[in-house]
Amino acid sequence: MDEGVKVLNDKGMTTAEYAIGTLAAAGLATVLLVLLKGDWVMALLQGLLQKAFTAGT
């Protein structure tokens, strides 16, 4: 390939970048799903909501 050729219209992501981005998003979603399914997260959310609803009393 000629080193002197410049690509003027190189906007957006390539297929490989889309694949890496999709894998990263799926990995993050998996981590969040595992965390949110834990019992300690449910207890934390319940405690937070209970404090929020009883703050004025």
C-alpha atoms as a PDB file:
ATOM      1  CA  MET A   1       0.000   0.000   0.000  1.00  0.00           C
ATOM      2  CA  ASP A   2       1.259   3.480  -0.823  1.00  0.00           C
ATOM      3  CA  GLU A   3       2.317   5.327   2.361  1.00  0.00           C
ATOM      4  CA  GLY A   4       1.613   8.703   0.751  1.00  0.00           C
ATOM      5  CA  VAL A   5      -2.122   8.112   0.218  1.00  0.00           C
ATOM      6  CA  LYS A   6      -4.356   9.884   2.742  1.00  0.00           C
ATOM      7  CA  VAL A   7      -7.903   8.791   3.495  1.00  0.00           C
ATOM      8  CA  LEU A   8     -10.027  11.928   3.608  1.00  0.00           C
ATOM      9  CA  ASN A   9     -13.380  10.402   4.509  1.00  0.00           C
ATOM     10  CA  ASP A  10     -12.526   8.105   7.425  1.00  0.00           C
ATOM     11  CA  LYS A  11     -15.547   8.677   9.660  1.00  0.00           C
ATOM     12  CA  GLY A  12     -17.196   6.156  11.956  1.00  0.00           C
ATOM     13  CA  MET A  13     -16.113   2.826  13.286  1.00  0.00           C
ATOM     14  CA  THR A  14     -14.955  -0.217  11.407  1.00  0.00           C
ATOM     15  CA  THR A  15     -16.443  -3.666  11.822  1.00  0.00           C
ATOM     16  CA  ALA A  16     -13.698  -4.696  14.248  1.00  0.00           C
ATOM     17  CA  GLU A  17     -14.363  -1.631  16.408  1.00  0.00           C
ATOM     18  CA  TYR A  18     -18.079  -2.423  16.449  1.00  0.00           C
ATOM     19  CA  ALA A  19     -17.300  -5.985  17.519  1.00  0.00           C
ATOM     20  CA  ILE A  20     -15.034  -4.849  20.369  1.00  0.00           C
ATOM     21  CA  GLY A  21     -17.603  -2.270  21.473  1.00  0.00           C
ATOM     22  CA  THR A  22     -20.372  -4.860  21.434  1.00  0.00           C
ATOM     23  CA  LEU A  23     -18.290  -7.315  23.469  1.00  0.00           C
ATOM     24  CA  ALA A  24     -17.436  -4.606  26.000  1.00  0.00           C
ATOM     25  CA  ALA A  25     -21.109  -3.631  26.365  1.00  0.00           C
ATOM     26  CA  ALA A  26     -22.150  -7.272  26.787  1.00  0.00           C
ATOM     27  CA  GLY A  27     -19.440  -7.796  29.399  1.00  0.00           C
ATOM     28  CA  LEU A  28     -20.533  -4.741  31.357  1.00  0.00           C
ATOM     29  CA  ALA A  29     -24.167  -5.838  31.176  1.00  0.00           C
ATOM     30  CA  THR A  30     -23.188  -9.269  32.497  1.00  0.00           C
ATOM     31  CA  VAL A  31     -21.284  -7.789  35.424  1.00  0.00           C
ATOM     32  CA  LEU A  32     -24.205  -5.496  36.284  1.00  0.00           C
ATOM     33  CA  LEU A  33     -26.668  -8.369  36.052  1.00  0.00           C
ATOM     34  CA  VAL A  34     -24.581 -10.527  38.395  1.00  0.00           C
ATOM     35  CA  LEU A  35     -24.247  -7.660  40.872  1.00  0.00           C
ATOM     36  CA  LEU A  36     -27.925  -6.775  40.819  1.00  0.00           C
ATOM     37  CA  LYS A  37     -29.003 -10.382  41.365  1.00  0.00           C
ATOM     38  CA  GLY A  38     -27.066 -10.552  44.637  1.00  0.00           C
ATOM     39  CA  ASP A  39     -28.919 -10.589  47.952  1.00  0.00           C
ATOM     40  CA  TRP A  40     -26.788  -7.798  49.398  1.00  0.00           C
ATOM     41  CA  VAL A  41     -27.807  -5.454  46.568  1.00  0.00           C
ATOM     42  CA  MET A  42     -31.481  -6.158  47.206  1.00  0.00           C
ATOM     43  CA  ALA A  43     -31.003  -5.482  50.928  1.00  0.00           C
ATOM     44  CA  LEU A  44     -29.136  -2.270  50.135  1.00  0.00           C
ATOM     45  CA  LEU A  45     -31.881  -1.056  47.778  1.00  0.00           C
ATOM     46  CA  GLN A  46     -34.628  -1.968  50.242  1.00  0.00           C
ATOM     47  CA  GLY A  47     -32.858  -0.090  53.020  1.00  0.00           C
ATOM     48  CA  LEU A  48     -32.357   2.926  50.799  1.00  0.00           C
ATOM     49  CA  LEU A  49     -36.008   2.993  49.744  1.00  0.00           C
ATOM     50  CA  GLN A  50     -37.177   2.523  53.317  1.00  0.00           C
ATOM     51  CA  LYS A  51     -35.070   5.497  54.445  1.00  0.00           C
ATOM     52  CA  ALA A  52     -36.355   7.591  51.546  1.00  0.00           C
ATOM     53  CA  PHE A  53     -40.008   6.908  52.317  1.00  0.00           C
ATOM     54  CA  THR A  54     -39.653   7.388  56.077  1.00  0.00           C
ATOM     55  CA  ALA A  55     -37.402  10.479  55.968  1.00  0.00           C
ATOM     56  CA  GLY A  56     -40.212  12.933  56.759  1.00  0.00           C
ATOM     57  CA  THR A  57     -41.681  11.034  59.693  1.00  0.00           C
END
